């Protein structure tokens, strides 16, 4: 079937479609990994911030409570 033009283009088209699917899967996996890493970093920073804020709040609340009790 060589020379008909139709069947000779089928195999390259199939290969290109397969390559595109593989590249698409690889890009999606890379993006997922980057998003997960970014989310973990944001969550980690948030908890660090929350810890620093809550420690500051505890110290102040403790002082205020001790002042109220001593009065």
PDB file of N, CA and C in Angstrom:
ATOM      1  N   UNK A   1       0.810  -1.194   0.000  1.00  0.00           N
ATOM      2  CA  UNK A   1       0.000   0.000   0.000  1.00  0.00           C
ATOM      3  C   UNK A   1       0.854   1.259   0.000  1.00  0.00           C
ATOM      4  N   UNK A   2       2.064   1.120  -0.402  1.00  0.00           N
ATOM      5  CA  UNK A   2       2.908   2.305  -0.472  1.00  0.00           C
ATOM      6  C   UNK A   2       2.527   3.135  -1.679  1.00  0.00           C
ATOM      7  N   UNK A   3       2.631   4.445  -1.488  1.00  0.00           N
ATOM      8  CA  UNK A   3       2.364   5.335  -2.597  1.00  0.00           C
ATOM      9  C   UNK A   3       0.940   5.844  -2.660  1.00  0.00           C
ATOM     10  N   UNK A   4       0.030   5.288  -1.895  1.00  0.00           N
ATOM     11  CA  UNK A   4      -1.354   5.769  -1.947  1.00  0.00           C
ATOM     12  C   UNK A   4      -1.495   7.089  -1.196  1.00  0.00           C
ATOM     13  N   UNK A   5      -0.570   7.373  -0.300  1.00  0.00           N
ATOM     14  CA  UNK A   5      -0.628   8.636   0.434  1.00  0.00           C
ATOM     15  C   UNK A   5      -1.434   8.547   1.706  1.00  0.00           C
ATOM     16  N   UNK A   6      -2.481   7.769   1.685  1.00  0.00           N
ATOM     17  CA  UNK A   6      -3.364   7.671   2.843  1.00  0.00           C
ATOM     18  C   UNK A   6      -2.759   6.807   3.943  1.00  0.00           C
ATOM     19  N   UNK A   7      -2.403   5.588   3.602  1.00  0.00           N
ATOM     20  CA  UNK A   7      -1.887   4.668   4.611  1.00  0.00           C
ATOM     21  C   UNK A   7      -0.465   5.032   5.031  1.00  0.00           C
ATOM     22  N   UNK A   8       0.286   5.698   4.169  1.00  0.00           N
ATOM     23  CA  UNK A   8       1.659   6.035   4.518  1.00  0.00           C
ATOM     24  C   UNK A   8       1.724   7.139   5.578  1.00  0.00           C
ATOM     25  N   UNK A   9       0.654   7.886   5.762  1.00  0.00           N
ATOM     26  CA  UNK A   9       0.634   8.945   6.776  1.00  0.00           C
ATOM     27  C   UNK A   9       0.011   8.491   8.096  1.00  0.00           C
ATOM     28  N   UNK A  10      -0.571   7.311   8.108  1.00  0.00           N
ATOM     29  CA  UNK A  10      -1.230   6.841   9.327  1.00  0.00           C
ATOM     30  C   UNK A  10      -0.238   6.587  10.455  1.00  0.00           C
ATOM     31  N   UNK A  11       0.854   5.906  10.156  1.00  0.00           N
ATOM     32  CA  UNK A  11       1.811   5.547  11.192  1.00  0.00           C
ATOM     33  C   UNK A  11       2.456   6.788  11.825  1.00  0.00           C
ATOM     34  N   UNK A  12       2.935   7.762  11.038  1.00  0.00           N
ATOM     35  CA  UNK A  12       3.488   8.968  11.668  1.00  0.00           C
ATOM     36  C   UNK A  12       2.457   9.714  12.519  1.00  0.00           C
ATOM     37  N   UNK A  13       1.207   9.723  12.074  1.00  0.00           N
ATOM     38  CA  UNK A  13       0.155  10.393  12.844  1.00  0.00           C
ATOM     39  C   UNK A  13      -0.082   9.682  14.168  1.00  0.00           C
ATOM     40  N   UNK A  14      -0.059   8.356  14.145  1.00  0.00           N
ATOM     41  CA  UNK A  14      -0.240   7.579  15.374  1.00  0.00           C
ATOM     42  C   UNK A  14       0.925   7.831  16.323  1.00  0.00           C
ATOM     43  N   UNK A  15       2.127   7.846  15.787  1.00  0.00           N
ATOM     44  CA  UNK A  15       3.313   8.087  16.618  1.00  0.00           C
ATOM     45  C   UNK A  15       3.264   9.487  17.228  1.00  0.00           C
ATOM     46  N   UNK A  16       2.884  10.474  16.431  1.00  0.00           N
ATOM     47  CA  UNK A  16       2.800  11.849  16.939  1.00  0.00           C
ATOM     48  C   UNK A  16       1.732  11.970  18.015  1.00  0.00           C
ATOM     49  N   UNK A  17       0.604  11.303  17.817  1.00  0.00           N
ATOM     50  CA  UNK A  17      -0.453  11.324  18.827  1.00  0.00           C
ATOM     51  C   UNK A  17      -0.005  10.681  20.121  1.00  0.00           C
ATOM     52  N   UNK A  18       0.729   9.584  20.010  1.00  0.00           N
ATOM     53  CA  UNK A  18       1.247   8.899  21.191  1.00  0.00           C
ATOM     54  C   UNK A  18       2.258   9.774  21.914  1.00  0.00           C
ATOM     55  N   UNK A  19       3.153  10.405  21.156  1.00  0.00           N
ATOM     56  CA  UNK A  19       4.144  11.297  21.761  1.00  0.00           C
ATOM     57  C   UNK A  19       3.462  12.460  22.470  1.00  0.00           C
ATOM     58  N   UNK A  20       2.432  13.006  21.850  1.00  0.00           N
ATOM     59  CA  UNK A  20       1.712  14.124  22.456  1.00  0.00           C
ATOM     60  C   UNK A  20       1.057  13.684  23.760  1.00  0.00           C
ATOM     61  N   UNK A  21       0.475  12.509  23.772  1.00  0.00           N
ATOM     62  CA  UNK A  21      -0.161  12.002  24.987  1.00  0.00           C
ATOM     63  C   UNK A  21       0.866  11.797  26.099  1.00  0.00           C
ATOM     64  N   UNK A  22       2.032  11.269  25.745  1.00  0.00           N
ATOM     65  CA  UNK A  22       3.086  11.047  26.741  1.00  0.00           C
ATOM     66  C   UNK A  22       3.572  12.379  27.305  1.00  0.00           C
ATOM     67  N   UNK A  23       3.819  13.342  26.426  1.00  0.00           N
ATOM     68  CA  UNK A  23       4.289  14.659  26.878  1.00  0.00           C
ATOM     69  C   UNK A  23       3.231  15.327  27.746  1.00  0.00           C
ATOM     70  N   UNK A  24       1.969  15.221  27.354  1.00  0.00           N
ATOM     71  CA  UNK A  24       0.888  15.802  28.150  1.00  0.00           C
ATOM     72  C   UNK A  24       0.855  15.190  29.542  1.00  0.00           C
ATOM     73  N   UNK A  25       0.982  13.867  29.636  1.00  0.00           N
ATOM     74  CA  UNK A  25       1.016  13.198  30.945  1.00  0.00           C
ATOM     75  C   UNK A  25       2.196  13.670  31.778  1.00  0.00           C
ATOM     76  N   UNK A  26       3.355  13.807  31.140  1.00  0.00           N
ATOM     77  CA  UNK A  26       4.557  14.241  31.861  1.00  0.00           C
ATOM     78  C   UNK A  26       4.397  15.669  32.390  1.00  0.00           C
ATOM     79  N   UNK A  27       3.846  16.550  31.568  1.00  0.00           N
ATOM     80  CA  UNK A  27       3.644  17.942  31.986  1.00  0.00           C
ATOM     81  C   UNK A  27       2.639  18.007  33.125  1.00  0.00           C
ATOM     82  N   UNK A  28       1.544  17.277  33.022  1.00  0.00           N
ATOM     83  CA  UNK A  28       0.547  17.272  34.099  1.00  0.00           C
ATOM     84  C   UNK A  28       1.140  16.762  35.402  1.00  0.00           C
ATOM     85  N   UNK A  29       1.932  15.701  35.331  1.00  0.00           N
ATOM     86  CA  UNK A  29       2.566  15.153  36.534  1.00  0.00           C
ATOM     87  C   UNK A  29       3.521  16.168  37.147  1.00  0.00           C
ATOM     88  N   UNK A  30       4.298  16.846  36.305  1.00  0.00           N
ATOM     89  CA  UNK A  30       5.231  17.863  36.802  1.00  0.00           C
ATOM     90  C   UNK A  30       4.477  19.008  37.453  1.00  0.00           C
ATOM     91  N   UNK A  31       3.406  19.454  36.831  1.00  0.00           N
ATOM     92  CA  UNK A  31       2.620  20.542  37.406  1.00  0.00           C
ATOM     93  C   UNK A  31       1.998  20.125  38.730  1.00  0.00           C
ATOM     94  N   UNK A  32       1.481  18.900  38.809  1.00  0.00           N
ATOM     95  CA  UNK A  32       0.909  18.410  40.067  1.00  0.00           C
ATOM     96  C   UNK A  32       1.953  18.412  41.174  1.00  0.00           C
ATOM     97  N   UNK A  33       3.151  17.930  40.857  1.00  0.00           N
ATOM     98  CA  UNK A  33       4.226  17.879  41.856  1.00  0.00           C
ATOM     99  C   UNK A  33       4.579  19.292  42.309  1.00  0.00           C
ATOM    100  N   UNK A  34       4.662  20.229  41.363  1.00  0.00           N
ATOM    101  CA  UNK A  34       4.984  21.613  41.721  1.00  0.00           C
ATOM    102  C   UNK A  34       3.887  22.236  42.566  1.00  0.00           C
ATOM    103  N   UNK A  35       2.637  21.962  42.231  1.00  0.00           N
ATOM    104  CA  UNK A  35       1.522  22.509  42.998  1.00  0.00           C
ATOM    105  C   UNK A  35       1.520  21.926  44.404  1.00  0.00           C
ATOM    106  N   UNK A  36       1.754  20.630  44.517  1.00  0.00           N
ATOM    107  CA  UNK A  36       1.795  19.997  45.837  1.00  0.00           C
ATOM    108  C   UNK A  36       2.934  20.585  46.660  1.00  0.00           C
ATOM    109  N   UNK A  37       4.104  20.751  46.049  1.00  0.00           N
ATOM    110  CA  UNK A  37       5.243  21.332  46.765  1.00  0.00           C
ATOM    111  C   UNK A  37       4.940  22.762  47.191  1.00  0.00           C
ATOM    112  N   UNK A  38       4.315  23.533  46.306  1.00  0.00           N
ATOM    113  CA  UNK A  38       3.966  24.915  46.644  1.00  0.00           C
ATOM    114  C   UNK A  38       2.939  24.944  47.765  1.00  0.00           C
ATOM    115  N   UNK A  39       1.941  24.066  47.706  1.00  0.00           N
ATOM    116  CA  UNK A  39       0.937  24.008  48.764  1.00  0.00           C
ATOM    117  C   UNK A  39       1.568  23.646  50.097  1.00  0.00           C
ATOM    118  N   UNK A  40       2.479  22.676  50.092  1.00  0.00           N
ATOM    119  CA  UNK A  40       3.146  22.285  51.331  1.00  0.00           C
ATOM    120  C   UNK A  40       3.947  23.444  51.902  1.00  0.00           C
ATOM    121  N   UNK A  41       4.609  24.207  51.037  1.00  0.00           N
ATOM    122  CA  UNK A  41       5.386  25.354  51.493  1.00  0.00           C
ATOM    123  C   UNK A  41       4.477  26.419  52.093  1.00  0.00           C
ATOM    124  N   UNK A  42       3.370  26.699  51.437  1.00  0.00           N
ATOM    125  CA  UNK A  42       2.423  27.693  51.940  1.00  0.00           C
ATOM    126  C   UNK A  42       1.855  27.248  53.281  1.00  0.00           C
ATOM    127  N   UNK A  43       1.480  25.986  53.385  1.00  0.00           N
ATOM    128  CA  UNK A  43       0.932  25.459  54.634  1.00  0.00           C
ATOM    129  C   UNK A  43       1.973  25.540  55.740  1.00  0.00           C
ATOM    130  N   UNK A  44       3.211  25.185  55.427  1.00  0.00           N
ATOM    131  CA  UNK A  44       4.292  25.246  56.412  1.00  0.00           C
ATOM    132  C   UNK A  44       4.510  26.672  56.896  1.00  0.00           C
ATOM    133  N   UNK A  45       4.545  27.627  55.967  1.00  0.00           N
ATOM    134  CA  UNK A  45       4.717  29.034  56.345  1.00  0.00           C
ATOM    135  C   UNK A  45       3.530  29.524  57.168  1.00  0.00           C
ATOM    136  N   UNK A  46       2.337  29.102  56.812  1.00  0.00           N
ATOM    137  CA  UNK A  46       1.149  29.517  57.555  1.00  0.00           C
ATOM    138  C   UNK A  46       1.214  29.032  58.998  1.00  0.00           C
ATOM    139  N   UNK A  47       1.590  27.760  59.192  1.00  0.00           N
ATOM    140  CA  UNK A  47       1.664  27.241  60.550  1.00  0.00           C
ATOM    141  C   UNK A  47       2.782  27.908  61.344  1.00  0.00           C
ATOM    142  N   UNK A  48       3.888  28.235  60.688  1.00  0.00           N
ATOM    143  CA  UNK A  48       4.953  28.976  61.378  1.00  0.00           C
ATOM    144  C   UNK A  48       4.445  30.340  61.813  1.00  0.00           C
ATOM    145  N   UNK A  49       3.734  31.013  60.914  1.00  0.00           N
ATOM    146  CA  UNK A  49       3.162  32.318  61.242  1.00  0.00           C
ATOM    147  C   UNK A  49       2.135  32.186  62.362  1.00  0.00           C
ATOM    148  N   UNK A  50       1.291  31.179  62.262  1.00  0.00           N
ATOM    149  CA  UNK A  50       0.258  30.968  63.269  1.00  0.00           C
ATOM    150  C   UNK A  50       0.873  30.706  64.638  1.00  0.00           C
ATOM    151  N   UNK A  51       1.932  29.921  64.650  1.00  0.00           N
ATOM    152  CA  UNK A  51       2.614  29.630  65.907  1.00  0.00           C
ATOM    153  C   UNK A  51       3.203  30.902  66.509  1.00  0.00           C
ATOM    154  N   UNK A  52       3.819  31.732  65.685  1.00  0.00           N
ATOM    155  CA  UNK A  52       4.408  32.970  66.209  1.00  0.00           C
ATOM    156  C   UNK A  52       3.326  33.917  66.710  1.00  0.00           C
ATOM    157  N   UNK A  53       2.210  33.985  66.015  1.00  0.00           N
ATOM    158  CA  UNK A  53       1.112  34.854  66.438  1.00  0.00           C
ATOM    159  C   UNK A  53       0.473  34.320  67.713  1.00  0.00           C
ATOM    160  N   UNK A  54       0.258  33.021  67.780  1.00  0.00           N
ATOM    161  CA  UNK A  54      -0.406  32.459  68.959  1.00  0.00           C
ATOM    162  C   UNK A  54       0.492  32.554  70.190  1.00  0.00           C
ATOM    163  N   UNK A  55       1.800  32.428  70.027  1.00  0.00           N
ATOM    164  CA  UNK A  55       2.712  32.588  71.167  1.00  0.00           C
ATOM    165  C   UNK A  55       2.668  34.020  71.665  1.00  0.00           C
ATOM    166  N   UNK A  56       2.636  34.972  70.747  1.00  0.00           N
ATOM    167  CA  UNK A  56       2.568  36.376  71.125  1.00  0.00           C
ATOM    168  C   UNK A  56       1.262  36.653  71.866  1.00  0.00           C
ATOM    169  N   UNK A  57       0.174  36.090  71.352  1.00  0.00           N
ATOM    170  CA  UNK A  57      -1.126  36.290  71.983  1.00  0.00           C
ATOM    171  C   UNK A  57      -1.196  35.659  73.359  1.00  0.00           C
ATOM    172  N   UNK A  58      -0.584  34.500  73.540  1.00  0.00           N
ATOM    173  CA  UNK A  58      -0.606  33.833  74.841  1.00  0.00           C
ATOM    174  C   UNK A  58       0.134  34.656  75.884  1.00  0.00           C
ATOM    175  N   UNK A  59       1.277  35.223  75.504  1.00  0.00           N
ATOM    176  CA  UNK A  59       2.039  36.031  76.449  1.00  0.00           C
ATOM    177  C   UNK A  59       1.227  37.237  76.897  1.00  0.00           C
ATOM    178  N   UNK A  60       0.604  37.917  75.945  1.00  0.00           N
ATOM    179  CA  UNK A  60      -0.185  39.094  76.293  1.00  0.00           C
ATOM    180  C   UNK A  60      -1.404  38.719  77.116  1.00  0.00           C
ATOM    181  N   UNK A  61      -2.084  37.660  76.741  1.00  0.00           N
ATOM    182  CA  UNK A  61      -3.265  37.246  77.495  1.00  0.00           C
ATOM    183  C   UNK A  61      -2.875  36.854  78.907  1.00  0.00           C
ATOM    184  N   UNK A  62      -1.748  36.181  79.034  1.00  0.00           N
ATOM    185  CA  UNK A  62      -1.286  35.785  80.361  1.00  0.00           C
ATOM    186  C   UNK A  62      -1.011  36.990  81.235  1.00  0.00           C
ATOM    187  N   UNK A  63      -0.402  38.036  80.675  1.00  0.00           N
ATOM    188  CA  UNK A  63      -0.122  39.248  81.435  1.00  0.00           C
ATOM    189  C   UNK A  63      -1.415  39.946  81.817  1.00  0.00           C
ATOM    190  N   UNK A  64      -2.342  40.023  80.880  1.00  0.00           N
ATOM    191  CA  UNK A  64      -3.612  40.694  81.155  1.00  0.00           C
ATOM    192  C   UNK A  64      -4.373  39.939  82.235  1.00  0.00           C
ATOM    193  N   UNK A  65      -4.420  38.614  82.143  1.00  0.00           N
ATOM    194  CA  UNK A  65      -5.123  37.824  83.151  1.00  0.00           C
ATOM    195  C   UNK A  65      -4.474  37.980  84.518  1.00  0.00           C
ATOM    196  N   UNK A  66      -3.154  37.977  84.579  1.00  0.00           N
ATOM    197  CA  UNK A  66      -2.492  38.104  85.873  1.00  0.00           C
ATOM    198  C   UNK A  66      -2.724  39.489  86.461  1.00  0.00           C
ATOM    199  N   UNK A  67      -2.820  40.529  85.607  1.00  0.00           N
ATOM    200  CA  UNK A  67      -3.109  41.875  86.103  1.00  0.00           C
ATOM    201  C   UNK A  67      -4.521  41.943  86.668  1.00  0.00           C
ATOM    202  N   UNK A  68      -5.488  41.296  85.998  1.00  0.00           N
ATOM    203  CA  UNK A  68      -6.874  41.321  86.473  1.00  0.00           C
ATOM    204  C   UNK A  68      -7.005  40.578  87.793  1.00  0.00           C
ATOM    205  N   UNK A  69      -6.301  39.479  87.929  1.00  0.00           N
ATOM    206  CA  UNK A  69      -6.395  38.681  89.148  1.00  0.00           C
ATOM    207  C   UNK A  69      -5.761  39.432  90.315  1.00  0.00           C
ATOM    208  N   UNK A  70      -4.654  40.120  90.088  1.00  0.00           N
ATOM    209  CA  UNK A  70      -3.968  40.807  91.178  1.00  0.00           C
ATOM    210  C   UNK A  70      -4.722  42.053  91.631  1.00  0.00           C
ATOM    211  N   UNK A  71      -5.602  42.587  90.808  1.00  0.00           N
ATOM    212  CA  UNK A  71      -6.353  43.798  91.190  1.00  0.00           C
ATOM    213  C   UNK A  71      -7.447  43.460  92.084  1.00  0.00           C
TER     214      UNK A  71
END
